[in-house]
Amino acid sequence: MTEAGKKIRVTGHVQGVGFRYYCLRHARRLGIRGSVKNHSDGSVIVEAWALPDDLDAFIPLVCKGPAFASVKECVVEKLTGDPGAQSFEVKY
């Protein structure tokens, strides 16, 4: 099975609530490679690469967020190209 890439843009009350570390914890558990970063517009951007079944488990978790988050919208787009990432990391 071939890996797939997804870009997930999450809006709402998603900064200052532990969102990036929530993503990091679940990504590492599921073997997801990529990154998560706060965006200047208040959203969080996740780039994730994994086998499709692992992404299917990860995306709903990202779209839900941690307990203190309030997700307004979660937009998922396909990524193409070489991910380059060997692990999952929080970017600043």
PDB file of N, CA and C in Angstrom:
ATOM      1  N   MET A   1       0.839  -1.177   0.000  1.00  0.00           N
ATOM      2  CA  MET A   1       0.000   0.000   0.000  1.00  0.00           C
ATOM      3  C   MET A   1       0.890   1.248   0.000  1.00  0.00           C
ATOM      4  N   THR A   2       0.499   2.258  -0.724  1.00  0.00           N
ATOM      5  CA  THR A   2       1.279   3.477  -0.878  1.00  0.00           C
ATOM      6  C   THR A   2       0.854   4.531   0.127  1.00  0.00           C
ATOM      7  N   GLU A   3       1.836   5.290   0.629  1.00  0.00           N
ATOM      8  CA  GLU A   3       1.529   6.381   1.552  1.00  0.00           C
ATOM      9  C   GLU A   3       0.788   7.500   0.840  1.00  0.00           C
ATOM     10  N   ALA A   4       0.003   8.223   1.619  1.00  0.00           N
ATOM     11  CA  ALA A   4      -0.727   9.388   1.116  1.00  0.00           C
ATOM     12  C   ALA A   4      -0.364  10.579   1.986  1.00  0.00           C
ATOM     13  N   GLY A   5      -0.585  11.767   1.461  1.00  0.00           N
ATOM     14  CA  GLY A   5      -0.330  12.989   2.207  1.00  0.00           C
ATOM     15  C   GLY A   5      -1.588  13.827   2.293  1.00  0.00           C
ATOM     16  N   LYS A   6      -1.808  14.436   3.456  1.00  0.00           N
ATOM     17  CA  LYS A   6      -2.962  15.305   3.661  1.00  0.00           C
ATOM     18  C   LYS A   6      -2.524  16.583   4.374  1.00  0.00           C
ATOM     19  N   LYS A   7      -3.114  17.700   3.942  1.00  0.00           N
ATOM     20  CA  LYS A   7      -2.946  18.976   4.634  1.00  0.00           C
ATOM     21  C   LYS A   7      -4.282  19.264   5.310  1.00  0.00           C
ATOM     22  N   ILE A   8      -4.232  19.528   6.601  1.00  0.00           N
ATOM     23  CA  ILE A   8      -5.443  19.758   7.389  1.00  0.00           C
ATOM     24  C   ILE A   8      -5.356  21.154   7.989  1.00  0.00           C
ATOM     25  N   ARG A   9      -6.329  21.994   7.665  1.00  0.00           N
ATOM     26  CA  ARG A   9      -6.394  23.354   8.219  1.00  0.00           C
ATOM     27  C   ARG A   9      -7.560  23.392   9.188  1.00  0.00           C
ATOM     28  N   VAL A  10      -7.257  23.661  10.460  1.00  0.00           N
ATOM     29  CA  VAL A  10      -8.256  23.647  11.513  1.00  0.00           C
ATOM     30  C   VAL A  10      -8.451  25.069  12.027  1.00  0.00           C
ATOM     31  N   THR A  11      -9.703  25.526  12.048  1.00  0.00           N
ATOM     32  CA  THR A  11     -10.011  26.866  12.550  1.00  0.00           C
ATOM     33  C   THR A  11     -10.935  26.764  13.755  1.00  0.00           C
ATOM     34  N   GLY A  12     -11.027  27.869  14.471  1.00  0.00           N
ATOM     35  CA  GLY A  12     -11.825  27.951  15.689  1.00  0.00           C
ATOM     36  C   GLY A  12     -10.916  28.371  16.824  1.00  0.00           C
ATOM     37  N   HIS A  13     -11.261  27.957  18.033  1.00  0.00           N
ATOM     38  CA  HIS A  13     -10.404  28.224  19.192  1.00  0.00           C
ATOM     39  C   HIS A  13      -9.426  27.054  19.287  1.00  0.00           C
ATOM     40  N   VAL A  14      -8.327  27.157  18.514  1.00  0.00           N
ATOM     41  CA  VAL A  14      -7.398  26.029  18.376  1.00  0.00           C
ATOM     42  C   VAL A  14      -5.960  26.379  18.737  1.00  0.00           C
ATOM     43  N   GLN A  15      -5.710  27.610  19.134  1.00  0.00           N
ATOM     44  CA  GLN A  15      -4.374  27.986  19.596  1.00  0.00           C
ATOM     45  C   GLN A  15      -4.446  28.285  21.090  1.00  0.00           C
ATOM     46  N   GLY A  16      -3.380  27.924  21.800  1.00  0.00           N
ATOM     47  CA  GLY A  16      -3.327  28.154  23.240  1.00  0.00           C
ATOM     48  C   GLY A  16      -4.097  27.116  24.042  1.00  0.00           C
ATOM     49  N   VAL A  17      -4.424  25.977  23.418  1.00  0.00           N
ATOM     50  CA  VAL A  17      -5.198  24.935  24.094  1.00  0.00           C
ATOM     51  C   VAL A  17      -4.498  23.568  24.040  1.00  0.00           C
ATOM     52  N   GLY A  18      -3.222  23.557  23.652  1.00  0.00           N
ATOM     53  CA  GLY A  18      -2.475  22.308  23.564  1.00  0.00           C
ATOM     54  C   GLY A  18      -2.724  21.532  22.288  1.00  0.00           C
ATOM     55  N   PHE A  19      -3.224  22.188  21.267  1.00  0.00           N
ATOM     56  CA  PHE A  19      -3.608  21.515  20.020  1.00  0.00           C
ATOM     57  C   PHE A  19      -2.414  20.854  19.329  1.00  0.00           C
ATOM     58  N   ARG A  20      -1.295  21.574  19.231  1.00  0.00           N
ATOM     59  CA  ARG A  20      -0.134  21.015  18.528  1.00  0.00           C
ATOM     60  C   ARG A  20       0.397  19.764  19.222  1.00  0.00           C
ATOM     61  N   TYR A  21       0.427  19.774  20.543  1.00  0.00           N
ATOM     62  CA  TYR A  21       0.950  18.624  21.270  1.00  0.00           C
ATOM     63  C   TYR A  21      -0.031  17.463  21.282  1.00  0.00           C
ATOM     64  N   TYR A  22      -1.314  17.770  21.210  1.00  0.00           N
ATOM     65  CA  TYR A  22      -2.344  16.752  21.028  1.00  0.00           C
ATOM     66  C   TYR A  22      -2.115  16.036  19.687  1.00  0.00           C
ATOM     67  N   CYS A  23      -1.871  16.813  18.629  1.00  0.00           N
ATOM     68  CA  CYS A  23      -1.595  16.233  17.307  1.00  0.00           C
ATOM     69  C   CYS A  23      -0.312  15.408  17.336  1.00  0.00           C
ATOM     70  N   LEU A  24       0.715  15.935  17.972  1.00  0.00           N
ATOM     71  CA  LEU A  24       1.993  15.234  18.072  1.00  0.00           C
ATOM     72  C   LEU A  24       1.820  13.876  18.740  1.00  0.00           C
ATOM     73  N   ARG A  25       1.106  13.834  19.840  1.00  0.00           N
ATOM     74  CA  ARG A  25       0.901  12.584  20.577  1.00  0.00           C
ATOM     75  C   ARG A  25       0.193  11.542  19.706  1.00  0.00           C
ATOM     76  N   HIS A  26      -0.886  11.939  19.035  1.00  0.00           N
ATOM     77  CA  HIS A  26      -1.630  10.993  18.214  1.00  0.00           C
ATOM     78  C   HIS A  26      -0.853  10.606  16.951  1.00  0.00           C
ATOM     79  N   ALA A  27      -0.121  11.548  16.375  1.00  0.00           N
ATOM     80  CA  ALA A  27       0.678  11.239  15.189  1.00  0.00           C
ATOM     81  C   ALA A  27       1.749  10.203  15.510  1.00  0.00           C
ATOM     82  N   ARG A  28       2.422  10.371  16.599  1.00  0.00           N
ATOM     83  CA  ARG A  28       3.463   9.415  16.976  1.00  0.00           C
ATOM     84  C   ARG A  28       2.875   8.042  17.272  1.00  0.00           C
ATOM     85  N   ARG A  29       1.711   8.013  17.904  1.00  0.00           N
ATOM     86  CA  ARG A  29       1.051   6.744  18.215  1.00  0.00           C
ATOM     87  C   ARG A  29       0.657   5.999  16.938  1.00  0.00           C
ATOM     88  N   LEU A  30       0.247   6.748  15.915  1.00  0.00           N
ATOM     89  CA  LEU A  30      -0.234   6.147  14.672  1.00  0.00           C
ATOM     90  C   LEU A  30       0.842   6.014  13.585  1.00  0.00           C
ATOM     91  N   GLY A  31       2.046   6.489  13.861  1.00  0.00           N
ATOM     92  CA  GLY A  31       3.120   6.395  12.873  1.00  0.00           C
ATOM     93  C   GLY A  31       2.998   7.401  11.736  1.00  0.00           C
ATOM     94  N   ILE A  32       2.405   8.549  12.020  1.00  0.00           N
ATOM     95  CA  ILE A  32       2.231   9.617  11.032  1.00  0.00           C
ATOM     96  C   ILE A  32       3.522  10.423  10.958  1.00  0.00           C
ATOM     97  N   ARG A  33       3.933  10.800   9.744  1.00  0.00           N
ATOM     98  CA  ARG A  33       5.076  11.696   9.560  1.00  0.00           C
ATOM     99  C   ARG A  33       4.541  13.050   9.114  1.00  0.00           C
ATOM    100  N   GLY A  34       5.249  14.118   9.459  1.00  0.00           N
ATOM    101  CA  GLY A  34       4.833  15.445   9.028  1.00  0.00           C
ATOM    102  C   GLY A  34       5.043  16.484  10.108  1.00  0.00           C
ATOM    103  N   SER A  35       4.105  17.457  10.171  1.00  0.00           N
ATOM    104  CA  SER A  35       4.281  18.554  11.125  1.00  0.00           C
ATOM    105  C   SER A  35       2.946  19.212  11.436  1.00  0.00           C
ATOM    106  N   VAL A  36       2.981  19.998  12.509  1.00  0.00           N
ATOM    107  CA  VAL A  36       1.837  20.816  12.909  1.00  0.00           C
ATOM    108  C   VAL A  36       2.384  22.185  13.290  1.00  0.00           C
ATOM    109  N   LYS A  37       1.670  23.243  12.892  1.00  0.00           N
ATOM    110  CA  LYS A  37       2.147  24.597  13.128  1.00  0.00           C
ATOM    111  C   LYS A  37       0.968  25.550  13.312  1.00  0.00           C
ATOM    112  N   ASN A  38       1.105  26.480  14.254  1.00  0.00           N
ATOM    113  CA  ASN A  38       0.136  27.570  14.376  1.00  0.00           C
ATOM    114  C   ASN A  38       0.325  28.514  13.201  1.00  0.00           C
ATOM    115  N   HIS A  39      -0.765  28.964  12.627  1.00  0.00           N
ATOM    116  CA  HIS A  39      -0.715  29.920  11.522  1.00  0.00           C
ATOM    117  C   HIS A  39      -1.064  31.302  12.071  1.00  0.00           C
ATOM    118  N   SER A  40      -0.559  32.337  11.443  1.00  0.00           N
ATOM    119  CA  SER A  40      -0.754  33.710  11.920  1.00  0.00           C
ATOM    120  C   SER A  40      -2.229  34.142  11.927  1.00  0.00           C
ATOM    121  N   ASP A  41      -3.089  33.470  11.163  1.00  0.00           N
ATOM    122  CA  ASP A  41      -4.507  33.837  11.146  1.00  0.00           C
ATOM    123  C   ASP A  41      -5.306  33.167  12.265  1.00  0.00           C
ATOM    124  N   GLY A  42      -4.633  32.443  13.145  1.00  0.00           N
ATOM    125  CA  GLY A  42      -5.306  31.791  14.270  1.00  0.00           C
ATOM    126  C   GLY A  42      -5.641  30.330  14.027  1.00  0.00           C
ATOM    127  N   SER A  43      -5.395  29.842  12.834  1.00  0.00           N
ATOM    128  CA  SER A  43      -5.667  28.436  12.535  1.00  0.00           C
ATOM    129  C   SER A  43      -4.443  27.582  12.870  1.00  0.00           C
ATOM    130  N   VAL A  44      -4.629  26.282  12.770  1.00  0.00           N
ATOM    131  CA  VAL A  44      -3.540  25.325  12.916  1.00  0.00           C
ATOM    132  C   VAL A  44      -3.468  24.546  11.611  1.00  0.00           C
ATOM    133  N   ILE A  45      -2.235  24.377  11.092  1.00  0.00           N
ATOM    134  CA  ILE A  45      -2.012  23.645   9.850  1.00  0.00           C
ATOM    135  C   ILE A  45      -1.258  22.359  10.175  1.00  0.00           C
ATOM    136  N   VAL A  46      -1.819  21.238   9.736  1.00  0.00           N
ATOM    137  CA  VAL A  46      -1.195  19.935   9.919  1.00  0.00           C
ATOM    138  C   VAL A  46      -0.869  19.376   8.539  1.00  0.00           C
ATOM    139  N   GLU A  47       0.353  18.910   8.361  1.00  0.00           N
ATOM    140  CA  GLU A  47       0.726  18.163   7.166  1.00  0.00           C
ATOM    141  C   GLU A  47       1.071  16.762   7.627  1.00  0.00           C
ATOM    142  N   ALA A  48       0.374  15.778   7.070  1.00  0.00           N
ATOM    143  CA  ALA A  48       0.502  14.406   7.546  1.00  0.00           C
ATOM    144  C   ALA A  48       0.707  13.447   6.386  1.00  0.00           C
ATOM    145  N   TRP A  49       1.650  12.520   6.576  1.00  0.00           N
ATOM    146  CA  TRP A  49       1.959  11.484   5.583  1.00  0.00           C
ATOM    147  C   TRP A  49       1.924  10.136   6.275  1.00  0.00           C
ATOM    148  N   ALA A  50       1.186   9.198   5.679  1.00  0.00           N
ATOM    149  CA  ALA A  50       1.094   7.854   6.260  1.00  0.00           C
ATOM    150  C   ALA A  50       0.322   6.953   5.309  1.00  0.00           C
ATOM    151  N   LEU A  51       0.188   5.717   5.703  1.00  0.00           N
ATOM    152  CA  LEU A  51      -0.684   4.813   4.970  1.00  0.00           C
ATOM    153  C   LEU A  51      -2.121   5.304   5.114  1.00  0.00           C
ATOM    154  N   PRO A  52      -2.949   5.103   4.100  1.00  0.00           N
ATOM    155  CA  PRO A  52      -4.322   5.629   4.141  1.00  0.00           C
ATOM    156  C   PRO A  52      -5.118   5.240   5.394  1.00  0.00           C
ATOM    157  N   ASP A  53      -4.993   4.004   5.863  1.00  0.00           N
ATOM    158  CA  ASP A  53      -5.737   3.598   7.063  1.00  0.00           C
ATOM    159  C   ASP A  53      -5.304   4.387   8.295  1.00  0.00           C
ATOM    160  N   ASP A  54      -4.002   4.677   8.390  1.00  0.00           N
ATOM    161  CA  ASP A  54      -3.508   5.464   9.529  1.00  0.00           C
ATOM    162  C   ASP A  54      -4.000   6.906   9.431  1.00  0.00           C
ATOM    163  N   LEU A  55      -4.010   7.468   8.230  1.00  0.00           N
ATOM    164  CA  LEU A  55      -4.558   8.820   8.054  1.00  0.00           C
ATOM    165  C   LEU A  55      -6.046   8.855   8.380  1.00  0.00           C
ATOM    166  N   ASP A  56      -6.760   7.796   8.001  1.00  0.00           N
ATOM    167  CA  ASP A  56      -8.193   7.720   8.296  1.00  0.00           C
ATOM    168  C   ASP A  56      -8.466   7.702   9.801  1.00  0.00           C
ATOM    169  N   ALA A  57      -7.528   7.192  10.582  1.00  0.00           N
ATOM    170  CA  ALA A  57      -7.658   7.209  12.040  1.00  0.00           C
ATOM    171  C   ALA A  57      -7.243   8.556  12.618  1.00  0.00           C
ATOM    172  N   PHE A  58      -6.261   9.205  12.005  1.00  0.00           N
ATOM    173  CA  PHE A  58      -5.694  10.457  12.510  1.00  0.00           C
ATOM    174  C   PHE A  58      -6.580  11.673  12.226  1.00  0.00           C
ATOM    175  N   ILE A  59      -7.112  11.774  11.032  1.00  0.00           N
ATOM    176  CA  ILE A  59      -7.854  12.975  10.623  1.00  0.00           C
ATOM    177  C   ILE A  59      -9.042  13.281  11.542  1.00  0.00           C
ATOM    178  N   PRO A  60      -9.878  12.313  11.918  1.00  0.00           N
ATOM    179  CA  PRO A  60     -10.984  12.648  12.832  1.00  0.00           C
ATOM    180  C   PRO A  60     -10.503  13.153  14.191  1.00  0.00           C
ATOM    181  N   LEU A  61      -9.361  12.659  14.654  1.00  0.00           N
ATOM    182  CA  LEU A  61      -8.807  13.142  15.920  1.00  0.00           C
ATOM    183  C   LEU A  61      -8.392  14.600  15.798  1.00  0.00           C
ATOM    184  N   VAL A  62      -7.725  14.932  14.687  1.00  0.00           N
ATOM    185  CA  VAL A  62      -7.313  16.319  14.447  1.00  0.00           C
ATOM    186  C   VAL A  62      -8.539  17.220  14.339  1.00  0.00           C
ATOM    187  N   CYS A  63      -9.554  16.762  13.647  1.00  0.00           N
ATOM    188  CA  CYS A  63     -10.749  17.579  13.436  1.00  0.00           C
ATOM    189  C   CYS A  63     -11.576  17.739  14.712  1.00  0.00           C
ATOM    190  N   LYS A  64     -11.360  16.876  15.685  1.00  0.00           N
ATOM    191  CA  LYS A  64     -12.017  17.008  16.987  1.00  0.00           C
ATOM    192  C   LYS A  64     -11.209  17.929  17.904  1.00  0.00           C
ATOM    193  N   GLY A  65      -9.899  17.685  17.974  1.00  0.00           N
ATOM    194  CA  GLY A  65      -9.018  18.492  18.813  1.00  0.00           C
ATOM    195  C   GLY A  65      -9.069  18.083  20.271  1.00  0.00           C
ATOM    196  N   PRO A  66      -8.197  18.696  21.081  1.00  0.00           N
ATOM    197  CA  PRO A  66      -8.157  18.390  22.509  1.00  0.00           C
ATOM    198  C   PRO A  66      -9.369  18.970  23.233  1.00  0.00           C
ATOM    199  N   ALA A  67      -9.507  18.612  24.495  1.00  0.00           N
ATOM    200  CA  ALA A  67     -10.692  18.965  25.283  1.00  0.00           C
ATOM    201  C   ALA A  67     -11.001  20.462  25.318  1.00  0.00           C
ATOM    202  N   PHE A  68      -9.991  21.318  25.398  1.00  0.00           N
ATOM    203  CA  PHE A  68     -10.236  22.758  25.529  1.00  0.00           C
ATOM    204  C   PHE A  68     -10.330  23.485  24.194  1.00  0.00           C
ATOM    205  N   ALA A  69     -10.200  22.758  23.102  1.00  0.00           N
ATOM    206  CA  ALA A  69     -10.339  23.365  21.775  1.00  0.00           C
ATOM    207  C   ALA A  69     -11.813  23.427  21.386  1.00  0.00           C
ATOM    208  N   SER A  70     -12.103  24.333  20.483  1.00  0.00           N
ATOM    209  CA  SER A  70     -13.433  24.422  19.896  1.00  0.00           C
ATOM    210  C   SER A  70     -13.232  24.563  18.388  1.00  0.00           C
ATOM    211  N   VAL A  71     -13.313  23.433  17.688  1.00  0.00           N
ATOM    212  CA  VAL A  71     -13.060  23.415  16.250  1.00  0.00           C
ATOM    213  C   VAL A  71     -14.291  23.933  15.511  1.00  0.00           C
ATOM    214  N   LYS A  72     -14.070  24.952  14.688  1.00  0.00           N
ATOM    215  CA  LYS A  72     -15.141  25.517  13.866  1.00  0.00           C
ATOM    216  C   LYS A  72     -15.184  24.839  12.505  1.00  0.00           C
ATOM    217  N   GLU A  73     -14.009  24.668  11.899  1.00  0.00           N
ATOM    218  CA  GLU A  73     -13.931  24.075  10.570  1.00  0.00           C
ATOM    219  C   GLU A  73     -12.644  23.274  10.435  1.00  0.00           C
ATOM    220  N   CYS A  74     -12.720  22.203   9.669  1.00  0.00           N
ATOM    221  CA  CYS A  74     -11.577  21.343   9.414  1.00  0.00           C
ATOM    222  C   CYS A  74     -11.584  21.024   7.926  1.00  0.00           C
ATOM    223  N   VAL A  75     -10.599  21.582   7.210  1.00  0.00           N
ATOM    224  CA  VAL A  75     -10.523  21.398   5.757  1.00  0.00           C
ATOM    225  C   VAL A  75      -9.344  20.486   5.448  1.00  0.00           C
ATOM    226  N   VAL A  76      -9.615  19.409   4.731  1.00  0.00           N
ATOM    227  CA  VAL A  76      -8.590  18.418   4.399  1.00  0.00           C
ATOM    228  C   VAL A  76      -8.341  18.459   2.899  1.00  0.00           C
ATOM    229  N   GLU A  77      -7.068  18.592   2.526  1.00  0.00           N
ATOM    230  CA  GLU A  77      -6.665  18.604   1.122  1.00  0.00           C
ATOM    231  C   GLU A  77      -5.593  17.554   0.893  1.00  0.00           C
ATOM    232  N   LYS A  78      -5.515  17.078  -0.324  1.00  0.00           N
ATOM    233  CA  LYS A  78      -4.494  16.107  -0.708  1.00  0.00           C
ATOM    234  C   LYS A  78      -3.151  16.816  -0.884  1.00  0.00           C
ATOM    235  N   LEU A  79      -2.086  16.193  -0.401  1.00  0.00           N
ATOM    236  CA  LEU A  79      -0.724  16.671  -0.631  1.00  0.00           C
ATOM    237  C   LEU A  79      -0.054  15.746  -1.624  1.00  0.00           C
ATOM    238  N   THR A  80       0.782  16.321  -2.465  1.00  0.00           N
ATOM    239  CA  THR A  80       1.556  15.512  -3.404  1.00  0.00           C
ATOM    240  C   THR A  80       3.030  15.824  -3.222  1.00  0.00           C
ATOM    241  N   GLY A  81       3.862  15.006  -3.800  1.00  0.00           N
ATOM    242  CA  GLY A  81       5.299  15.240  -3.720  1.00  0.00           C
ATOM    243  C   GLY A  81       5.944  14.426  -2.628  1.00  0.00           C
ATOM    244  N   ASP A  82       7.165  14.762  -2.330  1.00  0.00           N
ATOM    245  CA  ASP A  82       7.959  14.060  -1.333  1.00  0.00           C
ATOM    246  C   ASP A  82       7.794  14.744   0.019  1.00  0.00           C
ATOM    247  N   PRO A  83       7.334  14.017   1.038  1.00  0.00           N
ATOM    248  CA  PRO A  83       7.132  14.647   2.338  1.00  0.00           C
ATOM    249  C   PRO A  83       8.431  15.092   3.005  1.00  0.00           C
ATOM    250  N   GLY A  84       9.508  14.370   2.778  1.00  0.00           N
ATOM    251  CA  GLY A  84      10.777  14.741   3.368  1.00  0.00           C
ATOM    252  C   GLY A  84      10.880  14.471   4.860  1.00  0.00           C
ATOM    253  N   ALA A  85       9.789  14.444   5.573  1.00  0.00           N
ATOM    254  CA  ALA A  85       9.804  14.251   7.029  1.00  0.00           C
ATOM    255  C   ALA A  85      10.001  12.781   7.375  1.00  0.00           C
ATOM    256  N   GLN A  86      10.831  12.538   8.359  1.00  0.00           N
ATOM    257  CA  GLN A  86      11.057  11.171   8.828  1.00  0.00           C
ATOM    258  C   GLN A  86      10.276  10.897  10.119  1.00  0.00           C
ATOM    259  N   SER A  87       9.725  11.951  10.726  1.00  0.00           N
ATOM    260  CA  SER A  87       8.954  11.815  11.953  1.00  0.00           C
ATOM    261  C   SER A  87       7.893  12.925  11.948  1.00  0.00           C
ATOM    262  N   PHE A  88       7.214  13.096  13.071  1.00  0.00           N
ATOM    263  CA  PHE A  88       6.228  14.163  13.190  1.00  0.00           C
ATOM    264  C   PHE A  88       6.769  15.183  14.176  1.00  0.00           C
ATOM    265  N   GLU A  89       6.637  16.470  13.832  1.00  0.00           N
ATOM    266  CA  GLU A  89       7.208  17.503  14.698  1.00  0.00           C
ATOM    267  C   GLU A  89       6.303  18.715  14.802  1.00  0.00           C
ATOM    268  N   VAL A  90       6.481  19.432  15.899  1.00  0.00           N
ATOM    269  CA  VAL A  90       5.824  20.722  16.107  1.00  0.00           C
ATOM    270  C   VAL A  90       6.739  21.774  15.515  1.00  0.00           C
ATOM    271  N   LYS A  91       6.205  22.602  14.632  1.00  0.00           N
ATOM    272  CA  LYS A  91       6.975  23.699  14.051  1.00  0.00           C
ATOM    273  C   LYS A  91       6.529  25.006  14.698  1.00  0.00           C
ATOM    274  N   TYR A  92       7.495  25.919  14.820  1.00  0.00           N
ATOM    275  CA  TYR A  92       7.221  27.222  15.427  1.00  0.00           C
ATOM    276  C   TYR A  92       7.369  28.322  14.429  1.00  0.00           C
TER     277      TYR A  92
END
